[in-house]
């Protein structure tokens, strides 16, 4: 892990520890740790945002999701579940 990413990760972790979830989510996303950001969003019941974040991380238009590999399809399924749970 490069020093800048490590710094962002540490800042996100400190924000999470002090309860600043929004700053932690932003930090995890800057460090490209989407799963950590989604974990916090789900823990705070922000399901629609969690689902949207997962979909955005795929960097694939919705019309082309069927062309994803197995890991991508799983991430898309999880995103859909979060979006449904969030009423979106």
PDB file of N, CA and C in Angstrom:
ATOM      1  N   UNK A   1       0.858  -1.178   0.000  1.00  0.00           N
ATOM      2  CA  UNK A   1       0.000   0.000   0.000  1.00  0.00           C
ATOM      3  C   UNK A   1       0.902   1.238   0.000  1.00  0.00           C
ATOM      4  N   UNK A   2       0.607   2.147  -0.904  1.00  0.00           N
ATOM      5  CA  UNK A   2       1.436   3.348  -0.986  1.00  0.00           C
ATOM      6  C   UNK A   2       1.163   4.260   0.219  1.00  0.00           C
ATOM      7  N   UNK A   3       2.096   5.152   0.536  1.00  0.00           N
ATOM      8  CA  UNK A   3       1.966   5.999   1.732  1.00  0.00           C
ATOM      9  C   UNK A   3       0.707   6.863   1.736  1.00  0.00           C
ATOM     10  N   UNK A   4       0.314   7.392   0.588  1.00  0.00           N
ATOM     11  CA  UNK A   4      -0.878   8.244   0.535  1.00  0.00           C
ATOM     12  C   UNK A   4      -2.136   7.433   0.847  1.00  0.00           C
ATOM     13  N   UNK A   5      -2.241   6.240   0.288  1.00  0.00           N
ATOM     14  CA  UNK A   5      -3.392   5.381   0.558  1.00  0.00           C
ATOM     15  C   UNK A   5      -3.425   4.985   2.027  1.00  0.00           C
ATOM     16  N   UNK A   6      -2.256   4.660   2.580  1.00  0.00           N
ATOM     17  CA  UNK A   6      -2.178   4.298   4.003  1.00  0.00           C
ATOM     18  C   UNK A   6      -2.646   5.456   4.879  1.00  0.00           C
ATOM     19  N   UNK A   7      -2.239   6.677   4.522  1.00  0.00           N
ATOM     20  CA  UNK A   7      -2.647   7.862   5.273  1.00  0.00           C
ATOM     21  C   UNK A   7      -4.169   8.022   5.223  1.00  0.00           C
ATOM     22  N   UNK A   8      -4.751   7.854   4.033  1.00  0.00           N
ATOM     23  CA  UNK A   8      -6.205   7.972   3.891  1.00  0.00           C
ATOM     24  C   UNK A   8      -6.915   6.899   4.706  1.00  0.00           C
ATOM     25  N   UNK A   9      -6.376   5.696   4.699  1.00  0.00           N
ATOM     26  CA  UNK A   9      -6.954   4.602   5.471  1.00  0.00           C
ATOM     27  C   UNK A   9      -6.918   4.919   6.960  1.00  0.00           C
ATOM     28  N   UNK A  10      -5.794   5.411   7.441  1.00  0.00           N
ATOM     29  CA  UNK A  10      -5.671   5.751   8.860  1.00  0.00           C
ATOM     30  C   UNK A  10      -6.628   6.869   9.254  1.00  0.00           C
ATOM     31  N   UNK A  11      -6.766   7.867   8.384  1.00  0.00           N
ATOM     32  CA  UNK A  11      -7.696   8.966   8.659  1.00  0.00           C
ATOM     33  C   UNK A  11      -9.134   8.454   8.691  1.00  0.00           C
ATOM     34  N   UNK A  12      -9.478   7.572   7.767  1.00  0.00           N
ATOM     35  CA  UNK A  12     -10.826   7.000   7.741  1.00  0.00           C
ATOM     36  C   UNK A  12     -11.082   6.185   9.008  1.00  0.00           C
ATOM     37  N   UNK A  13     -10.104   5.420   9.413  1.00  0.00           N
ATOM     38  CA  UNK A  13     -10.250   4.596  10.615  1.00  0.00           C
ATOM     39  C   UNK A  13     -10.440   5.484  11.848  1.00  0.00           C
ATOM     40  N   UNK A  14      -9.660   6.570  11.955  1.00  0.00           N
ATOM     41  CA  UNK A  14      -9.820   7.492  13.089  1.00  0.00           C
ATOM     42  C   UNK A  14     -11.205   8.140  13.073  1.00  0.00           C
ATOM     43  N   UNK A  15     -11.672   8.526  11.886  1.00  0.00           N
ATOM     44  CA  UNK A  15     -13.006   9.124  11.778  1.00  0.00           C
ATOM     45  C   UNK A  15     -14.069   8.127  12.226  1.00  0.00           C
ATOM     46  N   UNK A  16     -13.905   6.866  11.832  1.00  0.00           N
ATOM     47  CA  UNK A  16     -14.865   5.838  12.244  1.00  0.00           C
ATOM     48  C   UNK A  16     -14.846   5.675  13.762  1.00  0.00           C
ATOM     49  N   UNK A  17     -13.679   5.666  14.352  1.00  0.00           N
ATOM     50  CA  UNK A  17     -13.570   5.491  15.800  1.00  0.00           C
ATOM     51  C   UNK A  17     -14.225   6.625  16.571  1.00  0.00           C
ATOM     52  N   UNK A  18     -14.149   7.838  16.026  1.00  0.00           N
ATOM     53  CA  UNK A  18     -14.773   8.964  16.730  1.00  0.00           C
ATOM     54  C   UNK A  18     -16.254   9.126  16.364  1.00  0.00           C
ATOM     55  N   UNK A  19     -16.752   8.249  15.489  1.00  0.00           N
ATOM     56  CA  UNK A  19     -18.166   8.257  15.150  1.00  0.00           C
ATOM     57  C   UNK A  19     -18.544   9.159  14.002  1.00  0.00           C
ATOM     58  N   UNK A  20     -17.572   9.690  13.286  1.00  0.00           N
ATOM     59  CA  UNK A  20     -17.839  10.550  12.133  1.00  0.00           C
ATOM     60  C   UNK A  20     -17.944   9.657  10.898  1.00  0.00           C
ATOM     61  N   UNK A  21     -19.107   9.058  10.724  1.00  0.00           N
ATOM     62  CA  UNK A  21     -19.315   8.046   9.683  1.00  0.00           C
ATOM     63  C   UNK A  21     -19.144   8.637   8.284  1.00  0.00           C
ATOM     64  N   UNK A  22     -19.661   9.827   8.052  1.00  0.00           N
ATOM     65  CA  UNK A  22     -19.538  10.428   6.713  1.00  0.00           C
ATOM     66  C   UNK A  22     -18.075  10.635   6.330  1.00  0.00           C
ATOM     67  N   UNK A  23     -17.275  11.138   7.263  1.00  0.00           N
ATOM     68  CA  UNK A  23     -15.846  11.335   6.983  1.00  0.00           C
ATOM     69  C   UNK A  23     -15.153   9.994   6.783  1.00  0.00           C
ATOM     70  N   UNK A  24     -15.543   9.002   7.553  1.00  0.00           N
ATOM     71  CA  UNK A  24     -14.940   7.674   7.406  1.00  0.00           C
ATOM     72  C   UNK A  24     -15.269   7.086   6.040  1.00  0.00           C
ATOM     73  N   UNK A  25     -16.518   7.202   5.622  1.00  0.00           N
ATOM     74  CA  UNK A  25     -16.925   6.685   4.315  1.00  0.00           C
ATOM     75  C   UNK A  25     -16.129   7.385   3.214  1.00  0.00           C
ATOM     76  N   UNK A  26     -16.040   8.704   3.281  1.00  0.00           N
ATOM     77  CA  UNK A  26     -15.263   9.451   2.272  1.00  0.00           C
ATOM     78  C   UNK A  26     -13.805   8.993   2.270  1.00  0.00           C
ATOM     79  N   UNK A  27     -13.243   8.797   3.443  1.00  0.00           N
ATOM     80  CA  UNK A  27     -11.858   8.359   3.540  1.00  0.00           C
ATOM     81  C   UNK A  27     -11.637   6.980   2.957  1.00  0.00           C
ATOM     82  N   UNK A  28     -12.541   6.060   3.268  1.00  0.00           N
ATOM     83  CA  UNK A  28     -12.418   4.711   2.708  1.00  0.00           C
ATOM     84  C   UNK A  28     -12.546   4.741   1.186  1.00  0.00           C
ATOM     85  N   UNK A  29     -13.440   5.575   0.682  1.00  0.00           N
ATOM     86  CA  UNK A  29     -13.592   5.669  -0.769  1.00  0.00           C
ATOM     87  C   UNK A  29     -12.353   6.286  -1.417  1.00  0.00           C
ATOM     88  N   UNK A  30     -11.765   7.294  -0.772  1.00  0.00           N
ATOM     89  CA  UNK A  30     -10.525   7.883  -1.306  1.00  0.00           C
ATOM     90  C   UNK A  30      -9.405   6.851  -1.327  1.00  0.00           C
ATOM     91  N   UNK A  31      -9.409   5.959  -0.331  1.00  0.00           N
ATOM     92  CA  UNK A  31      -8.393   4.896  -0.261  1.00  0.00           C
ATOM     93  C   UNK A  31      -8.772   3.712  -1.155  1.00  0.00           C
ATOM     94  N   UNK A  32      -9.875   3.837  -1.867  1.00  0.00           N
ATOM     95  CA  UNK A  32     -10.390   2.800  -2.773  1.00  0.00           C
ATOM     96  C   UNK A  32     -10.744   1.514  -2.030  1.00  0.00           C
ATOM     97  N   UNK A  33     -11.256   1.667  -0.819  1.00  0.00           N
ATOM     98  CA  UNK A  33     -11.716   0.537  -0.013  1.00  0.00           C
ATOM     99  C   UNK A  33     -13.245   0.576   0.042  1.00  0.00           C
ATOM    100  N   UNK A  34     -13.836   0.275  -1.084  1.00  0.00           N
ATOM    101  CA  UNK A  34     -15.283   0.368  -1.255  1.00  0.00           C
ATOM    102  C   UNK A  34     -16.019  -0.513  -0.249  1.00  0.00           C
ATOM    103  N   UNK A  35     -15.520  -1.726  -0.032  1.00  0.00           N
ATOM    104  CA  UNK A  35     -16.207  -2.639   0.886  1.00  0.00           C
ATOM    105  C   UNK A  35     -16.269  -2.082   2.305  1.00  0.00           C
ATOM    106  N   UNK A  36     -15.224  -1.383   2.736  1.00  0.00           N
ATOM    107  CA  UNK A  36     -15.234  -0.767   4.060  1.00  0.00           C
ATOM    108  C   UNK A  36     -16.263   0.357   4.126  1.00  0.00           C
ATOM    109  N   UNK A  37     -16.322   1.162   3.081  1.00  0.00           N
ATOM    110  CA  UNK A  37     -17.307   2.240   3.034  1.00  0.00           C
ATOM    111  C   UNK A  37     -18.719   1.669   3.058  1.00  0.00           C
ATOM    112  N   UNK A  38     -18.952   0.621   2.281  1.00  0.00           N
ATOM    113  CA  UNK A  38     -20.279  -0.002   2.222  1.00  0.00           C
ATOM    114  C   UNK A  38     -20.628  -0.629   3.570  1.00  0.00           C
ATOM    115  N   UNK A  39     -19.652  -1.223   4.224  1.00  0.00           N
ATOM    116  CA  UNK A  39     -19.889  -1.814   5.554  1.00  0.00           C
ATOM    117  C   UNK A  39     -20.450  -0.757   6.510  1.00  0.00           C
ATOM    118  N   UNK A  40     -19.851   0.436   6.496  1.00  0.00           N
ATOM    119  CA  UNK A  40     -20.335   1.505   7.371  1.00  0.00           C
ATOM    120  C   UNK A  40     -21.715   1.993   6.956  1.00  0.00           C
ATOM    121  N   UNK A  41     -21.927   2.121   5.664  1.00  0.00           N
ATOM    122  CA  UNK A  41     -23.226   2.583   5.186  1.00  0.00           C
ATOM    123  C   UNK A  41     -24.331   1.606   5.578  1.00  0.00           C
ATOM    124  N   UNK A  42     -24.068   0.314   5.458  1.00  0.00           N
ATOM    125  CA  UNK A  42     -25.058  -0.697   5.838  1.00  0.00           C
ATOM    126  C   UNK A  42     -25.273  -0.667   7.353  1.00  0.00           C
ATOM    127  N   UNK A  43     -24.191  -0.514   8.104  1.00  0.00           N
ATOM    128  CA  UNK A  43     -24.298  -0.484   9.568  1.00  0.00           C
ATOM    129  C   UNK A  43     -25.147   0.687  10.047  1.00  0.00           C
ATOM    130  N   UNK A  44     -25.164   1.763   9.271  1.00  0.00           N
ATOM    131  CA  UNK A  44     -25.976   2.930   9.626  1.00  0.00           C
ATOM    132  C   UNK A  44     -27.289   2.964   8.847  1.00  0.00           C
ATOM    133  N   UNK A  45     -27.646   1.836   8.268  1.00  0.00           N
ATOM    134  CA  UNK A  45     -28.905   1.628   7.556  1.00  0.00           C
ATOM    135  C   UNK A  45     -29.099   2.587   6.387  1.00  0.00           C
ATOM    136  N   UNK A  46     -28.030   2.930   5.723  1.00  0.00           N
ATOM    137  CA  UNK A  46     -28.087   3.771   4.527  1.00  0.00           C
ATOM    138  C   UNK A  46     -27.924   2.851   3.315  1.00  0.00           C
ATOM    139  N   UNK A  47     -28.913   1.988   3.156  1.00  0.00           N
ATOM    140  CA  UNK A  47     -28.848   0.907   2.177  1.00  0.00           C
ATOM    141  C   UNK A  47     -28.797   1.401   0.734  1.00  0.00           C
ATOM    142  N   UNK A  48     -29.608   2.383   0.411  1.00  0.00           N
ATOM    143  CA  UNK A  48     -29.631   2.875  -0.970  1.00  0.00           C
ATOM    144  C   UNK A  48     -28.278   3.463  -1.357  1.00  0.00           C
ATOM    145  N   UNK A  49     -27.658   4.194  -0.451  1.00  0.00           N
ATOM    146  CA  UNK A  49     -26.337   4.767  -0.729  1.00  0.00           C
ATOM    147  C   UNK A  49     -25.303   3.646  -0.845  1.00  0.00           C
ATOM    148  N   UNK A  50     -25.424   2.634   0.006  1.00  0.00           N
ATOM    149  CA  UNK A  50     -24.511   1.490  -0.060  1.00  0.00           C
ATOM    150  C   UNK A  50     -24.626   0.796  -1.419  1.00  0.00           C
ATOM    151  N   UNK A  51     -25.847   0.565  -1.855  1.00  0.00           N
ATOM    152  CA  UNK A  51     -26.060  -0.074  -3.151  1.00  0.00           C
ATOM    153  C   UNK A  51     -25.533   0.761  -4.295  1.00  0.00           C
ATOM    154  N   UNK A  52     -25.791   2.048  -4.258  1.00  0.00           N
ATOM    155  CA  UNK A  52     -25.305   2.947  -5.308  1.00  0.00           C
ATOM    156  C   UNK A  52     -23.778   2.991  -5.330  1.00  0.00           C
ATOM    157  N   UNK A  53     -23.182   2.960  -4.160  1.00  0.00           N
ATOM    158  CA  UNK A  53     -21.721   2.972  -4.060  1.00  0.00           C
ATOM    159  C   UNK A  53     -21.132   1.710  -4.677  1.00  0.00           C
ATOM    160  N   UNK A  54     -21.746   0.563  -4.382  1.00  0.00           N
ATOM    161  CA  UNK A  54     -21.279  -0.693  -4.972  1.00  0.00           C
ATOM    162  C   UNK A  54     -21.427  -0.677  -6.489  1.00  0.00           C
ATOM    163  N   UNK A  55     -22.569  -0.220  -6.977  1.00  0.00           N
ATOM    164  CA  UNK A  55     -22.768  -0.161  -8.429  1.00  0.00           C
ATOM    165  C   UNK A  55     -21.741   0.748  -9.086  1.00  0.00           C
ATOM    166  N   UNK A  56     -21.491   1.887  -8.476  1.00  0.00           N
ATOM    167  CA  UNK A  56     -20.510   2.820  -9.037  1.00  0.00           C
ATOM    168  C   UNK A  56     -19.116   2.202  -9.070  1.00  0.00           C
ATOM    169  N   UNK A  57     -18.818   1.372  -8.088  1.00  0.00           N
ATOM    170  CA  UNK A  57     -17.484   0.759  -8.033  1.00  0.00           C
ATOM    171  C   UNK A  57     -17.258  -0.233  -9.173  1.00  0.00           C
ATOM    172  N   UNK A  58     -18.333  -0.738  -9.750  1.00  0.00           N
ATOM    173  CA  UNK A  58     -18.202  -1.677 -10.867  1.00  0.00           C
ATOM    174  C   UNK A  58     -17.748  -0.980 -12.145  1.00  0.00           C
ATOM    175  N   UNK A  59     -17.983   0.310 -12.231  1.00  0.00           N
ATOM    176  CA  UNK A  59     -17.619   1.107 -13.400  1.00  0.00           C
ATOM    177  C   UNK A  59     -18.119   0.462 -14.695  1.00  0.00           C
ATOM    178  N   UNK A  60     -19.343  -0.026 -14.626  1.00  0.00           N
ATOM    179  CA  UNK A  60     -19.966  -0.695 -15.771  1.00  0.00           C
ATOM    180  C   UNK A  60     -21.389  -0.168 -15.911  1.00  0.00           C
ATOM    181  N   UNK A  61     -21.793   0.227 -17.105  1.00  0.00           N
ATOM    182  CA  UNK A  61     -23.182   0.651 -17.286  1.00  0.00           C
ATOM    183  C   UNK A  61     -24.136  -0.482 -16.910  1.00  0.00           C
ATOM    184  N   UNK A  62     -25.260  -0.137 -16.364  1.00  0.00           N
ATOM    185  CA  UNK A  62     -26.241  -1.130 -15.919  1.00  0.00           C
ATOM    186  C   UNK A  62     -26.613  -2.081 -17.053  1.00  0.00           C
ATOM    187  N   UNK A  63     -26.667  -1.584 -18.275  1.00  0.00           N
ATOM    188  CA  UNK A  63     -27.042  -2.421 -19.408  1.00  0.00           C
ATOM    189  C   UNK A  63     -26.012  -3.518 -19.687  1.00  0.00           C
ATOM    190  N   UNK A  64     -24.797  -3.380 -19.186  1.00  0.00           N
ATOM    191  CA  UNK A  64     -23.739  -4.350 -19.474  1.00  0.00           C
ATOM    192  C   UNK A  64     -23.343  -5.184 -18.260  1.00  0.00           C
ATOM    193  N   UNK A  65     -24.154  -5.164 -17.210  1.00  0.00           N
ATOM    194  CA  UNK A  65     -23.811  -5.918 -16.004  1.00  0.00           C
ATOM    195  C   UNK A  65     -23.759  -7.419 -16.252  1.00  0.00           C
ATOM    196  N   UNK A  66     -24.490  -7.911 -17.247  1.00  0.00           N
ATOM    197  CA  UNK A  66     -24.475  -9.356 -17.519  1.00  0.00           C
ATOM    198  C   UNK A  66     -23.119  -9.827 -18.035  1.00  0.00           C
ATOM    199  N   UNK A  67     -22.256  -8.929 -18.450  1.00  0.00           N
ATOM    200  CA  UNK A  67     -20.932  -9.286 -18.942  1.00  0.00           C
ATOM    201  C   UNK A  67     -19.857  -9.321 -17.860  1.00  0.00           C
ATOM    202  N   UNK A  68     -20.253  -9.121 -16.605  1.00  0.00           N
ATOM    203  CA  UNK A  68     -19.287  -9.114 -15.511  1.00  0.00           C
ATOM    204  C   UNK A  68     -18.801 -10.511 -15.174  1.00  0.00           C
ATOM    205  N   UNK A  69     -17.623 -10.586 -14.567  1.00  0.00           N
ATOM    206  CA  UNK A  69     -17.138 -11.869 -14.071  1.00  0.00           C
ATOM    207  C   UNK A  69     -17.919 -12.237 -12.806  1.00  0.00           C
ATOM    208  N   UNK A  70     -17.624 -13.390 -12.224  1.00  0.00           N
ATOM    209  CA  UNK A  70     -18.384 -13.887 -11.070  1.00  0.00           C
ATOM    210  C   UNK A  70     -18.333 -12.910  -9.897  1.00  0.00           C
ATOM    211  N   UNK A  71     -17.166 -12.355  -9.616  1.00  0.00           N
ATOM    212  CA  UNK A  71     -17.041 -11.411  -8.498  1.00  0.00           C
ATOM    213  C   UNK A  71     -17.852 -10.148  -8.774  1.00  0.00           C
ATOM    214  N   UNK A  72     -17.826  -9.683  -9.996  1.00  0.00           N
ATOM    215  CA  UNK A  72     -18.604  -8.505 -10.363  1.00  0.00           C
ATOM    216  C   UNK A  72     -20.094  -8.754 -10.264  1.00  0.00           C
ATOM    217  N   UNK A  73     -20.530  -9.943 -10.703  1.00  0.00           N
ATOM    218  CA  UNK A  73     -21.957 -10.280 -10.597  1.00  0.00           C
ATOM    219  C   UNK A  73     -22.388 -10.348  -9.139  1.00  0.00           C
ATOM    220  N   UNK A  74     -21.536 -10.887  -8.275  1.00  0.00           N
ATOM    221  CA  UNK A  74     -21.858 -10.949  -6.844  1.00  0.00           C
ATOM    222  C   UNK A  74     -21.975  -9.541  -6.265  1.00  0.00           C
ATOM    223  N   UNK A  75     -21.055  -8.669  -6.642  1.00  0.00           N
ATOM    224  CA  UNK A  75     -21.095  -7.283  -6.166  1.00  0.00           C
ATOM    225  C   UNK A  75     -22.369  -6.602  -6.667  1.00  0.00           C
ATOM    226  N   UNK A  76     -22.760  -6.864  -7.917  1.00  0.00           N
ATOM    227  CA  UNK A  76     -23.989  -6.279  -8.466  1.00  0.00           C
ATOM    228  C   UNK A  76     -25.216  -6.810  -7.732  1.00  0.00           C
ATOM    229  N   UNK A  77     -25.220  -8.112  -7.418  1.00  0.00           N
ATOM    230  CA  UNK A  77     -26.339  -8.688  -6.645  1.00  0.00           C
ATOM    231  C   UNK A  77     -26.445  -8.047  -5.266  1.00  0.00           C
ATOM    232  N   UNK A  78     -25.302  -7.887  -4.610  1.00  0.00           N
ATOM    233  CA  UNK A  78     -25.290  -7.256  -3.291  1.00  0.00           C
ATOM    234  C   UNK A  78     -25.773  -5.816  -3.385  1.00  0.00           C
ATOM    235  N   UNK A  79     -25.343  -5.118  -4.423  1.00  0.00           N
ATOM    236  CA  UNK A  79     -25.803  -3.744  -4.635  1.00  0.00           C
ATOM    237  C   UNK A  79     -27.317  -3.708  -4.806  1.00  0.00           C
ATOM    238  N   UNK A  80     -27.847  -4.628  -5.595  1.00  0.00           N
ATOM    239  CA  UNK A  80     -29.301  -4.687  -5.814  1.00  0.00           C
ATOM    240  C   UNK A  80     -30.041  -4.962  -4.511  1.00  0.00           C
ATOM    241  N   UNK A  81     -29.505  -5.835  -3.690  1.00  0.00           N
ATOM    242  CA  UNK A  81     -30.139  -6.145  -2.400  1.00  0.00           C
ATOM    243  C   UNK A  81     -30.168  -4.904  -1.510  1.00  0.00           C
ATOM    244  N   UNK A  82     -29.045  -4.166  -1.459  1.00  0.00           N
ATOM    245  CA  UNK A  82     -29.009  -2.960  -0.650  1.00  0.00           C
ATOM    246  C   UNK A  82     -29.962  -1.911  -1.201  1.00  0.00           C
ATOM    247  N   UNK A  83     -29.991  -1.765  -2.519  1.00  0.00           N
ATOM    248  CA  UNK A  83     -30.907  -0.789  -3.116  1.00  0.00           C
ATOM    249  C   UNK A  83     -32.358  -1.144  -2.813  1.00  0.00           C
ATOM    250  N   UNK A  84     -32.702  -2.414  -2.915  1.00  0.00           N
ATOM    251  CA  UNK A  84     -34.064  -2.845  -2.609  1.00  0.00           C
ATOM    252  C   UNK A  84     -34.396  -2.598  -1.140  1.00  0.00           C
ATOM    253  N   UNK A  85     -33.451  -2.892  -0.291  1.00  0.00           N
ATOM    254  CA  UNK A  85     -33.681  -2.693   1.140  1.00  0.00           C
ATOM    255  C   UNK A  85     -33.833  -1.210   1.464  1.00  0.00           C
ATOM    256  N   UNK A  86     -33.162  -0.372   0.678  1.00  0.00           N
ATOM    257  CA  UNK A  86     -33.267   1.070   0.867  1.00  0.00           C
ATOM    258  C   UNK A  86     -34.455   1.673   0.162  1.00  0.00           C
ATOM    259  N   UNK A  87     -35.262   0.834  -0.489  1.00  0.00           N
ATOM    260  CA  UNK A  87     -36.461   1.310  -1.146  1.00  0.00           C
ATOM    261  C   UNK A  87     -36.193   1.981  -2.484  1.00  0.00           C
ATOM    262  N   UNK A  88     -35.049   1.683  -3.072  1.00  0.00           N
ATOM    263  CA  UNK A  88     -34.703   2.313  -4.353  1.00  0.00           C
ATOM    264  C   UNK A  88     -34.662   1.263  -5.445  1.00  0.00           C
TER     265      UNK A  88
END
